[in-house]
C-alpha atoms as a PDB file:
ATOM      1  CA  UNK A   1      86.771 127.285 102.713  1.00  0.00           C
ATOM      2  CA  UNK A   2      83.181 127.606 103.909  1.00  0.00           C
ATOM      3  CA  UNK A   3      81.259 124.485 104.806  1.00  0.00           C
ATOM      4  CA  UNK A   4      78.968 122.968 102.145  1.00  0.00           C
ATOM      5  CA  UNK A   5      76.368 120.651 103.668  1.00  0.00           C
ATOM      6  CA  UNK A   6      75.514 117.286 102.119  1.00  0.00           C
ATOM      7  CA  UNK A   7      72.371 115.140 102.497  1.00  0.00           C
ATOM      8  CA  UNK A   8      72.079 113.924 106.080  1.00  0.00           C
ATOM      9  CA  UNK A   9      71.186 110.347 105.112  1.00  0.00           C
ATOM     10  CA  UNK A  10      73.047 107.945 102.842  1.00  0.00           C
ATOM     11  CA  UNK A  11      69.783 106.222 101.975  1.00  0.00           C
ATOM     12  CA  UNK A  12      70.388 105.097  98.390  1.00  0.00           C
ATOM     13  CA  UNK A  13      71.146 101.411  97.871  1.00  0.00           C
ATOM     14  CA  UNK A  14      74.124 102.282  95.654  1.00  0.00           C
ATOM     15  CA  UNK A  15      75.613 104.508  98.353  1.00  0.00           C
ATOM     16  CA  UNK A  16      75.106 101.979 101.128  1.00  0.00           C
ATOM     17  CA  UNK A  17      76.587  99.133  99.098  1.00  0.00           C
ATOM     18  CA  UNK A  18      79.629 101.184  98.057  1.00  0.00           C
ATOM     19  CA  UNK A  19      80.239 102.288 101.640  1.00  0.00           C
ATOM     20  CA  UNK A  20      79.818  98.768 103.034  1.00  0.00           C
ATOM     21  CA  UNK A  21      82.242  97.313 100.474  1.00  0.00           C
ATOM     22  CA  UNK A  22      84.850 100.098 100.649  1.00  0.00           C
ATOM     23  CA  UNK A  23      88.283  99.593 102.160  1.00  0.00           C
ATOM     24  CA  UNK A  24      88.414 101.687 105.341  1.00  0.00           C
ATOM     25  CA  UNK A  25      90.894  99.355 107.019  1.00  0.00           C
ATOM     26  CA  UNK A  26      93.550 101.986 107.744  1.00  0.00           C
ATOM     27  CA  UNK A  27      91.235 104.337 109.613  1.00  0.00           C
ATOM     28  CA  UNK A  28      88.696 101.931 111.089  1.00  0.00           C
ATOM     29  CA  UNK A  29      91.220  99.453 112.468  1.00  0.00           C
ATOM     30  CA  UNK A  30      92.966 102.253 114.338  1.00  0.00           C
ATOM     31  CA  UNK A  31      89.891 103.372 116.284  1.00  0.00           C
ATOM     32  CA  UNK A  32      89.640 100.537 118.861  1.00  0.00           C
ATOM     33  CA  UNK A  33      93.385 100.855 119.491  1.00  0.00           C
ATOM     34  CA  UNK A  34      93.106 104.602 119.945  1.00  0.00           C
ATOM     35  CA  UNK A  35      90.095 104.099 122.222  1.00  0.00           C
ATOM     36  CA  UNK A  36      92.139 101.758 124.421  1.00  0.00           C
ATOM     37  CA  UNK A  37      95.006 104.261 124.497  1.00  0.00           C
ATOM     38  CA  UNK A  38      92.788 107.208 125.423  1.00  0.00           C
ATOM     39  CA  UNK A  39      90.840 105.256 128.051  1.00  0.00           C
ATOM     40  CA  UNK A  40      93.196 102.758 129.698  1.00  0.00           C
ATOM     41  CA  UNK A  41      90.930 102.629 132.778  1.00  0.00           C
ATOM     42  CA  UNK A  42      87.754 101.970 130.811  1.00  0.00           C
ATOM     43  CA  UNK A  43      85.243  99.442 132.183  1.00  0.00           C
ATOM     44  CA  UNK A  44      85.572  95.824 131.085  1.00  0.00           C
ATOM     45  CA  UNK A  45      81.786  95.516 130.761  1.00  0.00           C
ATOM     46  CA  UNK A  46      79.635  98.298 129.314  1.00  0.00           C
ATOM     47  CA  UNK A  47      76.500  99.258 127.457  1.00  0.00           C
ATOM     48  CA  UNK A  48      77.558 101.141 124.333  1.00  0.00           C
ATOM     49  CA  UNK A  49      75.525 103.481 122.137  1.00  0.00           C
ATOM     50  CA  UNK A  50      76.810 103.930 118.577  1.00  0.00           C
ATOM     51  CA  UNK A  51      75.237 106.947 116.864  1.00  0.00           C
ATOM     52  CA  UNK A  52      75.338 106.860 113.054  1.00  0.00           C
ATOM     53  CA  UNK A  53      76.616 103.277 112.896  1.00  0.00           C
ATOM     54  CA  UNK A  54      76.239 102.846 109.109  1.00  0.00           C
ATOM     55  CA  UNK A  55      76.973  99.239 108.059  1.00  0.00           C
ATOM     56  CA  UNK A  56      78.523  98.536 111.498  1.00  0.00           C
ATOM     57  CA  UNK A  57      82.121  98.061 110.381  1.00  0.00           C
ATOM     58  CA  UNK A  58      83.508 100.259 113.157  1.00  0.00           C
ATOM     59  CA  UNK A  59      81.028  98.895 115.702  1.00  0.00           C
ATOM     60  CA  UNK A  60      82.055  95.317 114.959  1.00  0.00           C
ATOM     61  CA  UNK A  61      85.713  96.205 115.409  1.00  0.00           C
ATOM     62  CA  UNK A  62      84.923  97.627 118.839  1.00  0.00           C
ATOM     63  CA  UNK A  63      82.933  94.507 119.710  1.00  0.00           C
ATOM     64  CA  UNK A  64      85.872  92.262 118.801  1.00  0.00           C
ATOM     65  CA  UNK A  65      88.271  94.370 120.872  1.00  0.00           C
ATOM     66  CA  UNK A  66      85.924  94.650 123.874  1.00  0.00           C
ATOM     67  CA  UNK A  67      84.204  91.295 124.531  1.00  0.00           C
ATOM     68  CA  UNK A  68      82.329  92.599 127.579  1.00  0.00           C
ATOM     69  CA  UNK A  69      80.507  95.333 125.652  1.00  0.00           C
ATOM     70  CA  UNK A  70      76.869  95.279 124.494  1.00  0.00           C
ATOM     71  CA  UNK A  71      75.959  97.580 121.604  1.00  0.00           C
ATOM     72  CA  UNK A  72      72.893  99.561 120.580  1.00  0.00           C
ATOM     73  CA  UNK A  73      73.721 100.783 117.070  1.00  0.00           C
ATOM     74  CA  UNK A  74      71.587 103.591 115.632  1.00  0.00           C
ATOM     75  CA  UNK A  75      71.273 104.830 112.061  1.00  0.00           C
ATOM     76  CA  UNK A  76      68.616 106.681 110.101  1.00  0.00           C
ATOM     77  CA  UNK A  77      69.265 104.822 106.849  1.00  0.00           C
ATOM     78  CA  UNK A  78      67.412 101.542 106.316  1.00  0.00           C
ATOM     79  CA  UNK A  79      69.835 100.726 103.489  1.00  0.00           C
ATOM     80  CA  UNK A  80      72.854 101.107 105.785  1.00  0.00           C
ATOM     81  CA  UNK A  81      71.269  98.962 108.480  1.00  0.00           C
ATOM     82  CA  UNK A  82      70.546  96.252 105.899  1.00  0.00           C
ATOM     83  CA  UNK A  83      74.288  95.957 105.299  1.00  0.00           C
ATOM     84  CA  UNK A  84      74.859  96.146 109.043  1.00  0.00           C
ATOM     85  CA  UNK A  85      72.614  93.104 109.519  1.00  0.00           C
ATOM     86  CA  UNK A  86      74.519  91.274 106.777  1.00  0.00           C
ATOM     87  CA  UNK A  87      77.812  92.050 108.506  1.00  0.00           C
ATOM     88  CA  UNK A  88      76.453  90.801 111.830  1.00  0.00           C
ATOM     89  CA  UNK A  89      75.220  87.605 110.171  1.00  0.00           C
ATOM     90  CA  UNK A  90      78.843  86.817 109.321  1.00  0.00           C
ATOM     91  CA  UNK A  91      79.735  87.095 113.032  1.00  0.00           C
ATOM     92  CA  UNK A  92      76.966  85.273 114.927  1.00  0.00           C
ATOM     93  CA  UNK A  93      78.983  85.193 118.121  1.00  0.00           C
ATOM     94  CA  UNK A  94      79.199  88.981 118.143  1.00  0.00           C
ATOM     95  CA  UNK A  95      75.653  89.530 116.874  1.00  0.00           C
ATOM     96  CA  UNK A  96      74.235  88.367 120.210  1.00  0.00           C
ATOM     97  CA  UNK A  97      75.651  91.544 121.734  1.00  0.00           C
ATOM     98  CA  UNK A  98      74.029  93.856 119.177  1.00  0.00           C
ATOM     99  CA  UNK A  99      70.723  95.608 118.735  1.00  0.00           C
ATOM    100  CA  UNK A 100      70.233  97.719 115.596  1.00  0.00           C
ATOM    101  CA  UNK A 101      67.910 100.716 115.824  1.00  0.00           C
ATOM    102  CA  UNK A 102      66.559 102.681 112.862  1.00  0.00           C
ATOM    103  CA  UNK A 103      65.945 106.330 113.649  1.00  0.00           C
ATOM    104  CA  UNK A 104      67.081 109.877 113.010  1.00  0.00           C
ATOM    105  CA  UNK A 105      69.309 111.730 115.441  1.00  0.00           C
ATOM    106  CA  UNK A 106      67.964 113.571 117.338  1.00  0.00           C
ATOM    107  CA  UNK A 107      64.761 111.727 118.099  1.00  0.00           C
ATOM    108  CA  UNK A 108      65.702 108.097 117.466  1.00  0.00           C
ATOM    109  CA  UNK A 109      64.034 105.495 119.751  1.00  0.00           C
ATOM    110  CA  UNK A 110      67.137 104.818 121.825  1.00  0.00           C
ATOM    111  CA  UNK A 111      66.579 101.764 124.076  1.00  0.00           C
ATOM    112  CA  UNK A 112      68.295 102.873 127.299  1.00  0.00           C
ATOM    113  CA  UNK A 113      68.196 106.075 129.318  1.00  0.00           C
ATOM    114  CA  UNK A 114      71.985 106.189 129.695  1.00  0.00           C
ATOM    115  CA  UNK A 115      75.118 104.410 128.489  1.00  0.00           C
ATOM    116  CA  UNK A 116      78.605 103.715 129.761  1.00  0.00           C
ATOM    117  CA  UNK A 117      80.192 104.492 126.374  1.00  0.00           C
ATOM    118  CA  UNK A 118      78.926 106.545 123.413  1.00  0.00           C
ATOM    119  CA  UNK A 119      80.572 106.105 120.023  1.00  0.00           C
ATOM    120  CA  UNK A 120      79.983 108.095 116.860  1.00  0.00           C
ATOM    121  CA  UNK A 121      82.249 107.514 113.870  1.00  0.00           C
ATOM    122  CA  UNK A 122      82.166 109.799 110.810  1.00  0.00           C
ATOM    123  CA  UNK A 123      78.637 110.922 111.606  1.00  0.00           C
ATOM    124  CA  UNK A 124      78.972 114.542 112.697  1.00  0.00           C
ATOM    125  CA  UNK A 125      79.757 115.893 109.224  1.00  0.00           C
ATOM    126  CA  UNK A 126      76.477 114.506 107.854  1.00  0.00           C
ATOM    127  CA  UNK A 127      74.383 116.652 110.203  1.00  0.00           C
ATOM    128  CA  UNK A 128      73.121 120.042 109.089  1.00  0.00           C
ATOM    129  CA  UNK A 129      72.791 121.007 112.764  1.00  0.00           C
ATOM    130  CA  UNK A 130      75.688 119.527 114.771  1.00  0.00           C
ATOM    131  CA  UNK A 131      73.871 120.106 118.047  1.00  0.00           C
ATOM    132  CA  UNK A 132      71.672 117.148 117.090  1.00  0.00           C
ATOM    133  CA  UNK A 133      74.612 114.902 117.965  1.00  0.00           C
ATOM    134  CA  UNK A 134      75.893 116.746 121.010  1.00  0.00           C
ATOM    135  CA  UNK A 135      72.471 117.123 122.618  1.00  0.00           C
ATOM    136  CA  UNK A 136      71.738 113.424 122.004  1.00  0.00           C
ATOM    137  CA  UNK A 137      75.001 112.589 123.733  1.00  0.00           C
ATOM    138  CA  UNK A 138      74.029 114.804 126.686  1.00  0.00           C
ATOM    139  CA  UNK A 139      70.636 113.114 126.876  1.00  0.00           C
ATOM    140  CA  UNK A 140      72.017 109.558 126.751  1.00  0.00           C
ATOM    141  CA  UNK A 141      75.028 110.061 129.008  1.00  0.00           C
ATOM    142  CA  UNK A 142      75.530 110.162 132.747  1.00  0.00           C
ATOM    143  CA  UNK A 143      78.465 111.387 134.807  1.00  0.00           C
ATOM    144  CA  UNK A 144      81.544 109.419 133.734  1.00  0.00           C
ATOM    145  CA  UNK A 145      80.195 108.237 130.365  1.00  0.00           C
ATOM    146  CA  UNK A 146      83.017 107.822 127.856  1.00  0.00           C
ATOM    147  CA  UNK A 147      82.602 109.630 124.510  1.00  0.00           C
ATOM    148  CA  UNK A 148      84.676 108.636 121.471  1.00  0.00           C
ATOM    149  CA  UNK A 149      83.765 110.356 118.187  1.00  0.00           C
ATOM    150  CA  UNK A 150      86.271 110.382 115.305  1.00  0.00           C
ATOM    151  CA  UNK A 151      85.242 112.345 112.235  1.00  0.00           C
ATOM    152  CA  UNK A 152      86.529 114.004 109.096  1.00  0.00           C
ATOM    153  CA  UNK A 153      87.857 117.550 109.292  1.00  0.00           C
ATOM    154  CA  UNK A 154      87.410 120.073 106.531  1.00  0.00           C
ATOM    155  CA  UNK A 155      90.501 120.927 104.465  1.00  0.00           C
ATOM    156  CA  UNK A 156      91.306 124.578 103.724  1.00  0.00           C
ATOM    157  CA  UNK A 157      90.369 124.445 100.016  1.00  0.00           C
ATOM    158  CA  UNK A 158      88.418 122.500  97.411  1.00  0.00           C
ATOM    159  CA  UNK A 159      91.713 121.740  95.676  1.00  0.00           C
ATOM    160  CA  UNK A 160      93.003 119.990  98.786  1.00  0.00           C
ATOM    161  CA  UNK A 161      89.691 118.144  99.126  1.00  0.00           C
ATOM    162  CA  UNK A 162      90.062 116.906  95.539  1.00  0.00           C
ATOM    163  CA  UNK A 163      93.655 115.808  96.236  1.00  0.00           C
ATOM    164  CA  UNK A 164      92.570 113.895  99.356  1.00  0.00           C
ATOM    165  CA  UNK A 165      89.748 112.266  97.419  1.00  0.00           C
ATOM    166  CA  UNK A 166      92.194 111.011  94.807  1.00  0.00           C
ATOM    167  CA  UNK A 167      94.704 109.866  97.425  1.00  0.00           C
ATOM    168  CA  UNK A 168      92.299 107.960  99.657  1.00  0.00           C
ATOM    169  CA  UNK A 169      89.495 106.855  97.341  1.00  0.00           C
ATOM    170  CA  UNK A 170      90.976 107.041  93.851  1.00  0.00           C
ATOM    171  CA  UNK A 171      90.441 103.313  93.285  1.00  0.00           C
ATOM    172  CA  UNK A 172      86.920 103.210  94.726  1.00  0.00           C
ATOM    173  CA  UNK A 173      83.648 103.399  92.732  1.00  0.00           C
ATOM    174  CA  UNK A 174      82.643 106.820  91.456  1.00  0.00           C
ATOM    175  CA  UNK A 175      79.771 107.086  93.928  1.00  0.00           C
ATOM    176  CA  UNK A 176      82.177 106.666  96.846  1.00  0.00           C
ATOM    177  CA  UNK A 177      84.661 109.181  95.435  1.00  0.00           C
ATOM    178  CA  UNK A 178      81.843 111.692  95.032  1.00  0.00           C
ATOM    179  CA  UNK A 179      80.513 111.088  98.542  1.00  0.00           C
ATOM    180  CA  UNK A 180      83.981 111.340 100.112  1.00  0.00           C
ATOM    181  CA  UNK A 181      84.638 114.667  98.357  1.00  0.00           C
ATOM    182  CA  UNK A 182      81.257 115.999  99.475  1.00  0.00           C
ATOM    183  CA  UNK A 183      81.895 114.764 103.014  1.00  0.00           C
ATOM    184  CA  UNK A 184      85.191 116.645 103.167  1.00  0.00           C
ATOM    185  CA  UNK A 185      83.375 119.818 102.119  1.00  0.00           C
ATOM    186  CA  UNK A 186      80.675 119.159 104.743  1.00  0.00           C
ATOM    187  CA  UNK A 187      83.088 118.400 107.590  1.00  0.00           C
ATOM    188  CA  UNK A 188      83.788 120.823 110.414  1.00  0.00           C
ATOM    189  CA  UNK A 189      87.111 122.229 111.545  1.00  0.00           C
ATOM    190  CA  UNK A 190      88.474 121.470 115.031  1.00  0.00           C
ATOM    191  CA  UNK A 191      87.853 125.089 116.048  1.00  0.00           C
ATOM    192  CA  UNK A 192      84.215 124.842 114.966  1.00  0.00           C
ATOM    193  CA  UNK A 193      83.737 121.624 116.953  1.00  0.00           C
ATOM    194  CA  UNK A 194      85.273 123.181 120.059  1.00  0.00           C
ATOM    195  CA  UNK A 195      82.714 125.987 119.801  1.00  0.00           C
ATOM    196  CA  UNK A 196      79.941 123.394 119.363  1.00  0.00           C
ATOM    197  CA  UNK A 197      81.033 121.609 122.540  1.00  0.00           C
ATOM    198  CA  UNK A 198      81.099 124.881 124.437  1.00  0.00           C
ATOM    199  CA  UNK A 199      77.580 125.679 123.226  1.00  0.00           C
ATOM    200  CA  UNK A 200      76.411 122.185 124.223  1.00  0.00           C
ATOM    201  CA  UNK A 201      77.986 122.564 127.695  1.00  0.00           C
ATOM    202  CA  UNK A 202      80.233 119.531 127.317  1.00  0.00           C
ATOM    203  CA  UNK A 203      83.443 120.717 129.019  1.00  0.00           C
ATOM    204  CA  UNK A 204      84.737 117.191 129.573  1.00  0.00           C
ATOM    205  CA  UNK A 205      85.243 116.600 125.846  1.00  0.00           C
ATOM    206  CA  UNK A 206      88.368 117.561 123.921  1.00  0.00           C
ATOM    207  CA  UNK A 207      89.168 117.787 120.207  1.00  0.00           C
ATOM    208  CA  UNK A 208      92.407 116.386 118.799  1.00  0.00           C
ATOM    209  CA  UNK A 209      93.728 116.128 115.236  1.00  0.00           C
ATOM    210  CA  UNK A 210      94.616 112.480 114.572  1.00  0.00           C
ATOM    211  CA  UNK A 211      95.433 112.435 110.829  1.00  0.00           C
ATOM    212  CA  UNK A 212      95.608 114.658 107.764  1.00  0.00           C
ATOM    213  CA  UNK A 213      91.836 114.229 107.356  1.00  0.00           C
ATOM    214  CA  UNK A 214      90.503 113.161 110.764  1.00  0.00           C
ATOM    215  CA  UNK A 215      89.941 114.612 114.199  1.00  0.00           C
ATOM    216  CA  UNK A 216      88.766 112.983 117.406  1.00  0.00           C
ATOM    217  CA  UNK A 217      86.301 114.236 119.999  1.00  0.00           C
ATOM    218  CA  UNK A 218      86.857 112.311 123.227  1.00  0.00           C
ATOM    219  CA  UNK A 219      86.557 112.469 126.969  1.00  0.00           C
ATOM    220  CA  UNK A 220      84.231 111.718 129.851  1.00  0.00           C
ATOM    221  CA  UNK A 221      80.994 113.474 130.695  1.00  0.00           C
ATOM    222  CA  UNK A 222      81.524 115.613 133.800  1.00  0.00           C
END
């Protein structure tokens, strides 16, 4: 199945609210654990850049699991960041370690020149040009920077995308079911991402399938 792009920004209030209120517990709770497994010798204190943070659900989970980390969370959607601020308000102790940044990738006003860790969760498939993400990572990384970027992977057919939509978001609002289906169609395959990394000259990053609908790009910048 060929890729079908979707709008790069989830800027509508209805979309942002549905995404912020959705139950992503199964996937999102696994990411900090997988991060710890992949990087057992990670630093205990770090500056972290989260690209495409959305309403900050994943970012907050990383903050809870890594109390020495400070986060700069970037998103191009003002609506998403509004729900991110609401989420942070419920965790004032964690909020002190956060700075939210509104801006499109590439080109967002990123506060630091380089970071110890770069996260990007379910952001790649939104981009019409995937090099926007990989070149931003190159720009904001230094030698040894950890990269952890889980994302959807495109199923072989629209029928399988419809079946996954029913399985994983059948009880969610219609807007979320529609967006999840469109995101599956817009996602890349692992082979496509490996070619993207080769084009971006990021040999330290690997691609691994981690579920029936997710893959993980991870490694250290060399």
